[in-house]
Amino acid sequence: VFNAFDETGGGSEFTEQTPPDFSSLDHLLDWLPSTFNDLEPPALTLHPQLAKTLKSLHALPGTECVRMSGSGGTCFALFKTVDAARRAGEHLRSEHPDWWIIATELGG
């Protein structure tokens, strides 16, 4: 994925970005649409099955944000409550019993 990114001139327009201090989950969710994982396009080209994973996460009720971490080792969805995340996890486990799925909390 990194080689494919480099081969397309990836990173030539990088700018340093410092995330703000998030005072609330809503603040985080408002900020996330202004961000992007630059490795997602080459990862999806090399591993098209990631698109199915992201689509499944987007389809979950209550999903606030769906992303792929880094070069695609993990895909995740954010929810406003732990209960919503747990329900989504149960739903995904029934549809994809071979996936590793865990509901957890961000922050303290």
PDB file of N, CA and C in Angstrom:
ATOM      1  N   VAL A   1       0.832  -1.189   0.000  1.00  0.00           N
ATOM      2  CA  VAL A   1       0.000   0.000   0.000  1.00  0.00           C
ATOM      3  C   VAL A   1       0.872   1.247   0.000  1.00  0.00           C
ATOM      4  N   PHE A   2       1.916   1.239   0.821  1.00  0.00           N
ATOM      5  CA  PHE A   2       2.801   2.401   0.868  1.00  0.00           C
ATOM      6  C   PHE A   2       3.519   2.599  -0.461  1.00  0.00           C
ATOM      7  N   ASN A   3       3.956   1.509  -1.099  1.00  0.00           N
ATOM      8  CA  ASN A   3       4.599   1.623  -2.412  1.00  0.00           C
ATOM      9  C   ASN A   3       3.640   2.180  -3.451  1.00  0.00           C
ATOM     10  N   ALA A   4       2.406   1.698  -3.453  1.00  0.00           N
ATOM     11  CA  ALA A   4       1.414   2.192  -4.411  1.00  0.00           C
ATOM     12  C   ALA A   4       1.138   3.675  -4.167  1.00  0.00           C
ATOM     13  N   PHE A   5       1.090   4.068  -2.929  1.00  0.00           N
ATOM     14  CA  PHE A   5       0.893   5.473  -2.572  1.00  0.00           C
ATOM     15  C   PHE A   5       2.054   6.319  -3.095  1.00  0.00           C
ATOM     16  N   ASP A   6       3.278   5.838  -2.851  1.00  0.00           N
ATOM     17  CA  ASP A   6       4.467   6.567  -3.305  1.00  0.00           C
ATOM     18  C   ASP A   6       4.526   6.662  -4.826  1.00  0.00           C
ATOM     19  N   GLU A   7       4.143   5.576  -5.513  1.00  0.00           N
ATOM     20  CA  GLU A   7       4.205   5.547  -6.976  1.00  0.00           C
ATOM     21  C   GLU A   7       3.265   6.553  -7.628  1.00  0.00           C
ATOM     22  N   THR A   8       2.211   6.943  -6.921  1.00  0.00           N
ATOM     23  CA  THR A   8       1.271   7.927  -7.471  1.00  0.00           C
ATOM     24  C   THR A   8       1.615   9.343  -7.026  1.00  0.00           C
ATOM     25  N   GLY A   9       2.798   9.512  -6.429  1.00  0.00           N
ATOM     26  CA  GLY A   9       3.203  10.842  -5.970  1.00  0.00           C
ATOM     27  C   GLY A   9       2.586  11.223  -4.650  1.00  0.00           C
ATOM     28  N   GLY A  10       2.086  10.240  -3.946  1.00  0.00           N
ATOM     29  CA  GLY A  10       1.441  10.486  -2.663  1.00  0.00           C
ATOM     30  C   GLY A  10       2.338  11.231  -1.696  1.00  0.00           C
ATOM     31  N   GLY A  11       1.721  12.104  -0.963  1.00  0.00           N
ATOM     32  CA  GLY A  11       2.451  12.850   0.049  1.00  0.00           C
ATOM     33  C   GLY A  11       3.049  14.147  -0.438  1.00  0.00           C
ATOM     34  N   SER A  12       3.005  14.391  -1.731  1.00  0.00           N
ATOM     35  CA  SER A  12       3.629  15.605  -2.255  1.00  0.00           C
ATOM     36  C   SER A  12       2.900  16.867  -1.813  1.00  0.00           C
ATOM     37  N   GLU A  13       1.646  16.724  -1.427  1.00  0.00           N
ATOM     38  CA  GLU A  13       0.867  17.888  -0.995  1.00  0.00           C
ATOM     39  C   GLU A  13       0.524  17.836   0.489  1.00  0.00           C
ATOM     40  N   PHE A  14       1.269  17.054   1.249  1.00  0.00           N
ATOM     41  CA  PHE A  14       1.001  16.966   2.686  1.00  0.00           C
ATOM     42  C   PHE A  14       1.159  18.320   3.357  1.00  0.00           C
ATOM     43  N   THR A  15       0.302  18.570   4.296  1.00  0.00           N
ATOM     44  CA  THR A  15       0.470  19.709   5.191  1.00  0.00           C
ATOM     45  C   THR A  15       0.336  19.175   6.603  1.00  0.00           C
ATOM     46  N   GLU A  16       1.083  19.748   7.501  1.00  0.00           N
ATOM     47  CA  GLU A  16       1.011  19.299   8.884  1.00  0.00           C
ATOM     48  C   GLU A  16      -0.299  19.766   9.494  1.00  0.00           C
ATOM     49  N   GLN A  17      -0.952  18.864  10.192  1.00  0.00           N
ATOM     50  CA  GLN A  17      -2.232  19.185  10.800  1.00  0.00           C
ATOM     51  C   GLN A  17      -2.206  18.716  12.247  1.00  0.00           C
ATOM     52  N   THR A  18      -2.538  19.603  13.135  1.00  0.00           N
ATOM     53  CA  THR A  18      -2.614  19.250  14.551  1.00  0.00           C
ATOM     54  C   THR A  18      -4.077  19.156  14.938  1.00  0.00           C
ATOM     55  N   PRO A  19      -4.508  17.995  15.400  1.00  0.00           N
ATOM     56  CA  PRO A  19      -5.917  17.880  15.783  1.00  0.00           C
ATOM     57  C   PRO A  19      -6.214  18.782  16.977  1.00  0.00           C
ATOM     58  N   PRO A  20      -7.424  19.313  17.012  1.00  0.00           N
ATOM     59  CA  PRO A  20      -7.797  20.147  18.161  1.00  0.00           C
ATOM     60  C   PRO A  20      -7.999  19.290  19.407  1.00  0.00           C
ATOM     61  N   ASP A  21      -8.092  19.935  20.540  1.00  0.00           N
ATOM     62  CA  ASP A  21      -8.496  19.239  21.764  1.00  0.00           C
ATOM     63  C   ASP A  21     -10.006  19.049  21.678  1.00  0.00           C
ATOM     64  N   PHE A  22     -10.431  17.822  21.787  1.00  0.00           N
ATOM     65  CA  PHE A  22     -11.853  17.548  21.636  1.00  0.00           C
ATOM     66  C   PHE A  22     -12.545  17.629  22.987  1.00  0.00           C
ATOM     67  N   SER A  23     -13.477  18.559  23.085  1.00  0.00           N
ATOM     68  CA  SER A  23     -14.204  18.745  24.338  1.00  0.00           C
ATOM     69  C   SER A  23     -15.384  17.799  24.455  1.00  0.00           C
ATOM     70  N   SER A  24     -15.764  17.198  23.327  1.00  0.00           N
ATOM     71  CA  SER A  24     -16.905  16.284  23.340  1.00  0.00           C
ATOM     72  C   SER A  24     -16.840  15.374  22.125  1.00  0.00           C
ATOM     73  N   LEU A  25     -17.631  14.329  22.155  1.00  0.00           N
ATOM     74  CA  LEU A  25     -17.724  13.435  21.001  1.00  0.00           C
ATOM     75  C   LEU A  25     -18.268  14.191  19.797  1.00  0.00           C
ATOM     76  N   ASP A  26     -19.256  15.052  20.019  1.00  0.00           N
ATOM     77  CA  ASP A  26     -19.809  15.828  18.909  1.00  0.00           C
ATOM     78  C   ASP A  26     -18.737  16.689  18.259  1.00  0.00           C
ATOM     79  N   HIS A  27     -17.839  17.260  19.051  1.00  0.00           N
ATOM     80  CA  HIS A  27     -16.742  18.068  18.516  1.00  0.00           C
ATOM     81  C   HIS A  27     -15.856  17.207  17.606  1.00  0.00           C
ATOM     82  N   LEU A  28     -15.536  15.998  18.045  1.00  0.00           N
ATOM     83  CA  LEU A  28     -14.750  15.073  17.229  1.00  0.00           C
ATOM     84  C   LEU A  28     -15.481  14.740  15.934  1.00  0.00           C
ATOM     85  N   LEU A  29     -16.765  14.418  16.039  1.00  0.00           N
ATOM     86  CA  LEU A  29     -17.539  14.025  14.859  1.00  0.00           C
ATOM     87  C   LEU A  29     -17.714  15.185  13.880  1.00  0.00           C
ATOM     88  N   ASP A  30     -17.729  16.415  14.384  1.00  0.00           N
ATOM     89  CA  ASP A  30     -17.790  17.586  13.508  1.00  0.00           C
ATOM     90  C   ASP A  30     -16.473  17.790  12.767  1.00  0.00           C
ATOM     91  N   TRP A  31     -15.352  17.441  13.406  1.00  0.00           N
ATOM     92  CA  TRP A  31     -14.027  17.652  12.830  1.00  0.00           C
ATOM     93  C   TRP A  31     -13.643  16.571  11.814  1.00  0.00           C
ATOM     94  N   LEU A  32     -14.049  15.339  12.057  1.00  0.00           N
ATOM     95  CA  LEU A  32     -13.616  14.212  11.226  1.00  0.00           C
ATOM     96  C   LEU A  32     -13.880  14.366   9.725  1.00  0.00           C
ATOM     97  N   PRO A  33     -15.007  14.939   9.292  1.00  0.00           N
ATOM     98  CA  PRO A  33     -15.205  15.070   7.841  1.00  0.00           C
ATOM     99  C   PRO A  33     -14.143  15.927   7.136  1.00  0.00           C
ATOM    100  N   SER A  34     -13.412  16.729   7.891  1.00  0.00           N
ATOM    101  CA  SER A  34     -12.354  17.537   7.274  1.00  0.00           C
ATOM    102  C   SER A  34     -11.050  16.760   7.122  1.00  0.00           C
ATOM    103  N   THR A  35     -11.051  15.500   7.528  1.00  0.00           N
ATOM    104  CA  THR A  35      -9.852  14.674   7.459  1.00  0.00           C
ATOM    105  C   THR A  35     -10.040  13.548   6.452  1.00  0.00           C
ATOM    106  N   PHE A  36      -8.919  12.924   6.064  1.00  0.00           N
ATOM    107  CA  PHE A  36      -8.967  11.869   5.057  1.00  0.00           C
ATOM    108  C   PHE A  36      -7.774  10.959   5.247  1.00  0.00           C
ATOM    109  N   ASN A  37      -7.957   9.674   5.029  1.00  0.00           N
ATOM    110  CA  ASN A  37      -6.858   8.717   5.062  1.00  0.00           C
ATOM    111  C   ASN A  37      -6.290   8.606   3.652  1.00  0.00           C
ATOM    112  N   ASP A  38      -5.112   9.187   3.442  1.00  0.00           N
ATOM    113  CA  ASP A  38      -4.493   9.198   2.115  1.00  0.00           C
ATOM    114  C   ASP A  38      -4.150   7.806   1.599  1.00  0.00           C
ATOM    115  N   LEU A  39      -4.058   6.829   2.485  1.00  0.00           N
ATOM    116  CA  LEU A  39      -3.722   5.473   2.047  1.00  0.00           C
ATOM    117  C   LEU A  39      -4.952   4.673   1.608  1.00  0.00           C
ATOM    118  N   GLU A  40      -6.141   5.221   1.837  1.00  0.00           N
ATOM    119  CA  GLU A  40      -7.347   4.469   1.490  1.00  0.00           C
ATOM    120  C   GLU A  40      -7.461   4.174  -0.008  1.00  0.00           C
ATOM    121  N   PRO A  41      -7.285   5.143  -0.912  1.00  0.00           N
ATOM    122  CA  PRO A  41      -7.413   4.806  -2.343  1.00  0.00           C
ATOM    123  C   PRO A  41      -6.454   3.700  -2.804  1.00  0.00           C
ATOM    124  N   PRO A  42      -5.151   3.764  -2.477  1.00  0.00           N
ATOM    125  CA  PRO A  42      -4.307   2.653  -2.933  1.00  0.00           C
ATOM    126  C   PRO A  42      -4.660   1.335  -2.243  1.00  0.00           C
ATOM    127  N   ALA A  43      -5.073   1.381  -0.981  1.00  0.00           N
ATOM    128  CA  ALA A  43      -5.454   0.145  -0.283  1.00  0.00           C
ATOM    129  C   ALA A  43      -6.676  -0.483  -0.943  1.00  0.00           C
ATOM    130  N   LEU A  44      -7.658   0.344  -1.313  1.00  0.00           N
ATOM    131  CA  LEU A  44      -8.861  -0.179  -1.975  1.00  0.00           C
ATOM    132  C   LEU A  44      -8.538  -0.744  -3.361  1.00  0.00           C
ATOM    133  N   THR A  45      -7.583  -0.148  -4.044  1.00  0.00           N
ATOM    134  CA  THR A  45      -7.173  -0.664  -5.349  1.00  0.00           C
ATOM    135  C   THR A  45      -6.500  -2.028  -5.208  1.00  0.00           C
ATOM    136  N   LEU A  46      -5.619  -2.141  -4.233  1.00  0.00           N
ATOM    137  CA  LEU A  46      -4.881  -3.397  -4.030  1.00  0.00           C
ATOM    138  C   LEU A  46      -5.722  -4.472  -3.351  1.00  0.00           C
ATOM    139  N   HIS A  47      -6.655  -4.055  -2.500  1.00  0.00           N
ATOM    140  CA  HIS A  47      -7.463  -4.995  -1.706  1.00  0.00           C
ATOM    141  C   HIS A  47      -8.930  -4.582  -1.778  1.00  0.00           C
ATOM    142  N   PRO A  48      -9.587  -4.865  -2.900  1.00  0.00           N
ATOM    143  CA  PRO A  48     -10.962  -4.406  -3.092  1.00  0.00           C
ATOM    144  C   PRO A  48     -11.950  -4.914  -2.036  1.00  0.00           C
ATOM    145  N   GLN A  49     -11.599  -5.989  -1.341  1.00  0.00           N
ATOM    146  CA  GLN A  49     -12.506  -6.505  -0.306  1.00  0.00           C
ATOM    147  C   GLN A  49     -12.681  -5.493   0.838  1.00  0.00           C
ATOM    148  N   LEU A  50     -11.746  -4.559   0.985  1.00  0.00           N
ATOM    149  CA  LEU A  50     -11.896  -3.509   2.003  1.00  0.00           C
ATOM    150  C   LEU A  50     -13.135  -2.668   1.741  1.00  0.00           C
ATOM    151  N   ALA A  51     -13.487  -2.480   0.482  1.00  0.00           N
ATOM    152  CA  ALA A  51     -14.682  -1.697   0.141  1.00  0.00           C
ATOM    153  C   ALA A  51     -15.931  -2.366   0.710  1.00  0.00           C
ATOM    154  N   LYS A  52     -15.985  -3.685   0.672  1.00  0.00           N
ATOM    155  CA  LYS A  52     -17.124  -4.424   1.242  1.00  0.00           C
ATOM    156  C   LYS A  52     -17.199  -4.192   2.748  1.00  0.00           C
ATOM    157  N   THR A  53     -16.057  -4.204   3.388  1.00  0.00           N
ATOM    158  CA  THR A  53     -16.022  -3.976   4.832  1.00  0.00           C
ATOM    159  C   THR A  53     -16.526  -2.572   5.157  1.00  0.00           C
ATOM    160  N   LEU A  54     -16.010  -1.575   4.460  1.00  0.00           N
ATOM    161  CA  LEU A  54     -16.427  -0.196   4.710  1.00  0.00           C
ATOM    162  C   LEU A  54     -17.914  -0.017   4.423  1.00  0.00           C
ATOM    163  N   LYS A  55     -18.404  -0.632   3.363  1.00  0.00           N
ATOM    164  CA  LYS A  55     -19.827  -0.546   3.022  1.00  0.00           C
ATOM    165  C   LYS A  55     -20.686  -1.171   4.125  1.00  0.00           C
ATOM    166  N   SER A  56     -20.264  -2.308   4.654  1.00  0.00           N
ATOM    167  CA  SER A  56     -21.000  -2.961   5.743  1.00  0.00           C
ATOM    168  C   SER A  56     -21.053  -2.064   6.976  1.00  0.00           C
ATOM    169  N   LEU A  57     -19.958  -1.388   7.267  1.00  0.00           N
ATOM    170  CA  LEU A  57     -19.932  -0.491   8.423  1.00  0.00           C
ATOM    171  C   LEU A  57     -20.827   0.727   8.198  1.00  0.00           C
ATOM    172  N   HIS A  58     -20.792   1.297   7.009  1.00  0.00           N
ATOM    173  CA  HIS A  58     -21.647   2.451   6.690  1.00  0.00           C
ATOM    174  C   HIS A  58     -23.126   2.108   6.833  1.00  0.00           C
ATOM    175  N   ALA A  59     -23.492   0.859   6.550  1.00  0.00           N
ATOM    176  CA  ALA A  59     -24.897   0.447   6.559  1.00  0.00           C
ATOM    177  C   ALA A  59     -25.459   0.230   7.962  1.00  0.00           C
ATOM    178  N   LEU A  60     -24.618   0.236   8.971  1.00  0.00           N
ATOM    179  CA  LEU A  60     -25.087  -0.018  10.336  1.00  0.00           C
ATOM    180  C   LEU A  60     -25.905   1.153  10.863  1.00  0.00           C
ATOM    181  N   PRO A  61     -27.028   0.868  11.524  1.00  0.00           N
ATOM    182  CA  PRO A  61     -27.810   1.953  12.118  1.00  0.00           C
ATOM    183  C   PRO A  61     -26.992   2.704  13.179  1.00  0.00           C
ATOM    184  N   GLY A  62     -27.058   4.010  13.137  1.00  0.00           N
ATOM    185  CA  GLY A  62     -26.383   4.825  14.143  1.00  0.00           C
ATOM    186  C   GLY A  62     -24.935   5.137  13.852  1.00  0.00           C
ATOM    187  N   THR A  63     -24.415   4.672  12.712  1.00  0.00           N
ATOM    188  CA  THR A  63     -23.021   4.942  12.376  1.00  0.00           C
ATOM    189  C   THR A  63     -22.819   6.436  12.177  1.00  0.00           C
ATOM    190  N   GLU A  64     -21.827   6.989  12.861  1.00  0.00           N
ATOM    191  CA  GLU A  64     -21.503   8.407  12.745  1.00  0.00           C
ATOM    192  C   GLU A  64     -20.326   8.658  11.808  1.00  0.00           C
ATOM    193  N   CYS A  65     -19.388   7.722  11.778  1.00  0.00           N
ATOM    194  CA  CYS A  65     -18.191   7.876  10.959  1.00  0.00           C
ATOM    195  C   CYS A  65     -17.598   6.493  10.708  1.00  0.00           C
ATOM    196  N   VAL A  66     -17.136   6.263   9.489  1.00  0.00           N
ATOM    197  CA  VAL A  66     -16.491   4.996   9.132  1.00  0.00           C
ATOM    198  C   VAL A  66     -15.134   5.333   8.540  1.00  0.00           C
ATOM    199  N   ARG A  67     -14.131   4.625   8.986  1.00  0.00           N
ATOM    200  CA  ARG A  67     -12.774   4.859   8.486  1.00  0.00           C
ATOM    201  C   ARG A  67     -12.000   3.556   8.428  1.00  0.00           C
ATOM    202  N   MET A  68     -10.915   3.649   7.715  1.00  0.00           N
ATOM    203  CA  MET A  68      -9.924   2.594   7.637  1.00  0.00           C
ATOM    204  C   MET A  68      -8.696   3.140   8.358  1.00  0.00           C
ATOM    205  N   SER A  69      -8.104   2.356   9.231  1.00  0.00           N
ATOM    206  CA  SER A  69      -6.901   2.820   9.911  1.00  0.00           C
ATOM    207  C   SER A  69      -5.692   2.584   9.018  1.00  0.00           C
ATOM    208  N   GLY A  70      -4.794   3.532   9.006  1.00  0.00           N
ATOM    209  CA  GLY A  70      -3.536   3.379   8.282  1.00  0.00           C
ATOM    210  C   GLY A  70      -3.685   2.778   6.903  1.00  0.00           C
ATOM    211  N   SER A  71      -2.990   1.679   6.667  1.00  0.00           N
ATOM    212  CA  SER A  71      -2.996   1.040   5.352  1.00  0.00           C
ATOM    213  C   SER A  71      -4.073  -0.031   5.222  1.00  0.00           C
ATOM    214  N   GLY A  72      -4.996  -0.084   6.160  1.00  0.00           N
ATOM    215  CA  GLY A  72      -6.153  -0.962   6.017  1.00  0.00           C
ATOM    216  C   GLY A  72      -6.180  -2.180   6.909  1.00  0.00           C
ATOM    217  N   GLY A  73      -5.303  -2.218   7.894  1.00  0.00           N
ATOM    218  CA  GLY A  73      -5.302  -3.364   8.795  1.00  0.00           C
ATOM    219  C   GLY A  73      -6.561  -3.451   9.646  1.00  0.00           C
ATOM    220  N   THR A  74      -7.211  -2.307   9.844  1.00  0.00           N
ATOM    221  CA  THR A  74      -8.425  -2.244  10.644  1.00  0.00           C
ATOM    222  C   THR A  74      -9.382  -1.255  10.006  1.00  0.00           C
ATOM    223  N   CYS A  75     -10.649  -1.611   9.988  1.00  0.00           N
ATOM    224  CA  CYS A  75     -11.706  -0.681   9.597  1.00  0.00           C
ATOM    225  C   CYS A  75     -12.600  -0.524  10.817  1.00  0.00           C
ATOM    226  N   PHE A  76     -13.146   0.680  11.000  1.00  0.00           N
ATOM    227  CA  PHE A  76     -13.943   0.915  12.202  1.00  0.00           C
ATOM    228  C   PHE A  76     -15.066   1.890  11.932  1.00  0.00           C
ATOM    229  N   ALA A  77     -16.049   1.854  12.808  1.00  0.00           N
ATOM    230  CA  ALA A  77     -17.168   2.793  12.778  1.00  0.00           C
ATOM    231  C   ALA A  77     -17.282   3.419  14.160  1.00  0.00           C
ATOM    232  N   LEU A  78     -17.647   4.688  14.181  1.00  0.00           N
ATOM    233  CA  LEU A  78     -17.867   5.394  15.440  1.00  0.00           C
ATOM    234  C   LEU A  78     -19.363   5.575  15.660  1.00  0.00           C
ATOM    235  N   PHE A  79     -19.774   5.448  16.897  1.00  0.00           N
ATOM    236  CA  PHE A  79     -21.164   5.595  17.303  1.00  0.00           C
ATOM    237  C   PHE A  79     -21.219   6.552  18.487  1.00  0.00           C
ATOM    238  N   LYS A  80     -22.374   7.149  18.721  1.00  0.00           N
ATOM    239  CA  LYS A  80     -22.494   8.108  19.821  1.00  0.00           C
ATOM    240  C   LYS A  80     -22.576   7.431  21.184  1.00  0.00           C
ATOM    241  N   THR A  81     -23.000   6.171  21.217  1.00  0.00           N
ATOM    242  CA  THR A  81     -23.118   5.483  22.507  1.00  0.00           C
ATOM    243  C   THR A  81     -22.489   4.090  22.427  1.00  0.00           C
ATOM    244  N   VAL A  82     -22.076   3.601  23.575  1.00  0.00           N
ATOM    245  CA  VAL A  82     -21.534   2.244  23.647  1.00  0.00           C
ATOM    246  C   VAL A  82     -22.626   1.235  23.298  1.00  0.00           C
ATOM    247  N   ASP A  83     -23.861   1.498  23.725  1.00  0.00           N
ATOM    248  CA  ASP A  83     -24.956   0.582  23.400  1.00  0.00           C
ATOM    249  C   ASP A  83     -25.153   0.469  21.895  1.00  0.00           C
ATOM    250  N   ALA A  84     -25.079   1.601  21.185  1.00  0.00           N
ATOM    251  CA  ALA A  84     -25.218   1.558  19.725  1.00  0.00           C
ATOM    252  C   ALA A  84     -24.078   0.760  19.115  1.00  0.00           C
ATOM    253  N   ALA A  85     -22.866   0.924  19.630  1.00  0.00           N
ATOM    254  CA  ALA A  85     -21.711   0.172  19.133  1.00  0.00           C
ATOM    255  C   ALA A  85     -21.887  -1.321  19.403  1.00  0.00           C
ATOM    256  N   ARG A  86     -22.386  -1.652  20.569  1.00  0.00           N
ATOM    257  CA  ARG A  86     -22.588  -3.076  20.891  1.00  0.00           C
ATOM    258  C   ARG A  86     -23.639  -3.707  19.986  1.00  0.00           C
ATOM    259  N   ARG A  87     -24.744  -2.981  19.760  1.00  0.00           N
ATOM    260  CA  ARG A  87     -25.787  -3.512  18.860  1.00  0.00           C
ATOM    261  C   ARG A  87     -25.230  -3.692  17.454  1.00  0.00           C
ATOM    262  N   ALA A  88     -24.445  -2.733  16.999  1.00  0.00           N
ATOM    263  CA  ALA A  88     -23.834  -2.844  15.670  1.00  0.00           C
ATOM    264  C   ALA A  88     -22.888  -4.036  15.622  1.00  0.00           C
ATOM    265  N   GLY A  89     -22.115  -4.235  16.685  1.00  0.00           N
ATOM    266  CA  GLY A  89     -21.205  -5.369  16.747  1.00  0.00           C
ATOM    267  C   GLY A  89     -21.936  -6.696  16.674  1.00  0.00           C
ATOM    268  N   GLU A  90     -23.044  -6.795  17.400  1.00  0.00           N
ATOM    269  CA  GLU A  90     -23.841  -8.026  17.365  1.00  0.00           C
ATOM    270  C   GLU A  90     -24.375  -8.279  15.954  1.00  0.00           C
ATOM    271  N   HIS A  91     -24.849  -7.223  15.329  1.00  0.00           N
ATOM    272  CA  HIS A  91     -25.360  -7.353  13.963  1.00  0.00           C
ATOM    273  C   HIS A  91     -24.255  -7.810  13.008  1.00  0.00           C
ATOM    274  N   LEU A  92     -23.095  -7.182  13.098  1.00  0.00           N
ATOM    275  CA  LEU A  92     -21.980  -7.561  12.223  1.00  0.00           C
ATOM    276  C   LEU A  92     -21.529  -8.998  12.464  1.00  0.00           C
ATOM    277  N   ARG A  93     -21.475  -9.424  13.733  1.00  0.00           N
ATOM    278  CA  ARG A  93     -21.071 -10.799  14.039  1.00  0.00           C
ATOM    279  C   ARG A  93     -22.011 -11.806  13.391  1.00  0.00           C
ATOM    280  N   SER A  94     -23.303 -11.470  13.356  1.00  0.00           N
ATOM    281  CA  SER A  94     -24.256 -12.411  12.743  1.00  0.00           C
ATOM    282  C   SER A  94     -24.073 -12.464  11.231  1.00  0.00           C
ATOM    283  N   GLU A  95     -23.687 -11.345  10.610  1.00  0.00           N
ATOM    284  CA  GLU A  95     -23.481 -11.312   9.169  1.00  0.00           C
ATOM    285  C   GLU A  95     -22.086 -11.780   8.745  1.00  0.00           C
ATOM    286  N   HIS A  96     -21.107 -11.555   9.620  1.00  0.00           N
ATOM    287  CA  HIS A  96     -19.706 -11.854   9.292  1.00  0.00           C
ATOM    288  C   HIS A  96     -19.034 -12.567  10.469  1.00  0.00           C
ATOM    289  N   PRO A  97     -19.388 -13.823  10.702  1.00  0.00           N
ATOM    290  CA  PRO A  97     -18.833 -14.525  11.862  1.00  0.00           C
ATOM    291  C   PRO A  97     -17.316 -14.715  11.815  1.00  0.00           C
ATOM    292  N   ASP A  98     -16.719 -14.532  10.646  1.00  0.00           N
ATOM    293  CA  ASP A  98     -15.270 -14.696  10.521  1.00  0.00           C
ATOM    294  C   ASP A  98     -14.509 -13.389  10.768  1.00  0.00           C
ATOM    295  N   TRP A  99     -15.205 -12.274  10.994  1.00  0.00           N
ATOM    296  CA  TRP A  99     -14.557 -10.994  11.280  1.00  0.00           C
ATOM    297  C   TRP A  99     -14.254 -10.875  12.757  1.00  0.00           C
ATOM    298  N   TRP A 100     -13.182 -10.177  13.090  1.00  0.00           N
ATOM    299  CA  TRP A 100     -12.881  -9.844  14.483  1.00  0.00           C
ATOM    300  C   TRP A 100     -13.573  -8.522  14.765  1.00  0.00           C
ATOM    301  N   ILE A 101     -14.498  -8.525  15.721  1.00  0.00           N
ATOM    302  CA  ILE A 101     -15.331  -7.351  16.007  1.00  0.00           C
ATOM    303  C   ILE A 101     -15.336  -7.119  17.508  1.00  0.00           C
ATOM    304  N   ILE A 102     -15.124  -5.862  17.900  1.00  0.00           N
ATOM    305  CA  ILE A 102     -15.196  -5.515  19.313  1.00  0.00           C
ATOM    306  C   ILE A 102     -15.736  -4.094  19.451  1.00  0.00           C
ATOM    307  N   ALA A 103     -16.658  -3.914  20.380  1.00  0.00           N
ATOM    308  CA  ALA A 103     -17.182  -2.584  20.707  1.00  0.00           C
ATOM    309  C   ALA A 103     -16.368  -2.056  21.890  1.00  0.00           C
ATOM    310  N   THR A 104     -15.947  -0.822  21.786  1.00  0.00           N
ATOM    311  CA  THR A 104     -15.134  -0.219  22.844  1.00  0.00           C
ATOM    312  C   THR A 104     -15.413   1.263  22.927  1.00  0.00           C
ATOM    313  N   GLU A 105     -14.792   1.941  23.871  1.00  0.00           N
ATOM    314  CA  GLU A 105     -14.988   3.373  24.050  1.00  0.00           C
ATOM    315  C   GLU A 105     -13.719   4.151  23.728  1.00  0.00           C
ATOM    316  N   LEU A 106     -13.906   5.350  23.201  1.00  0.00           N
ATOM    317  CA  LEU A 106     -12.805   6.273  22.998  1.00  0.00           C
ATOM    318  C   LEU A 106     -12.643   7.117  24.255  1.00  0.00           C
ATOM    319  N   GLY A 107     -11.438   7.445  24.587  1.00  0.00           N
ATOM    320  CA  GLY A 107     -11.195   8.363  25.702  1.00  0.00           C
ATOM    321  C   GLY A 107     -11.460   7.753  27.051  1.00  0.00           C
ATOM    322  N   GLY A 108     -11.500   8.621  28.052  1.00  0.00           N
ATOM    323  CA  GLY A 108     -11.666   8.135  29.412  1.00  0.00           C
ATOM    324  C   GLY A 108     -12.955   8.539  30.040  1.00  0.00           C
TER     325      GLY A 108
END
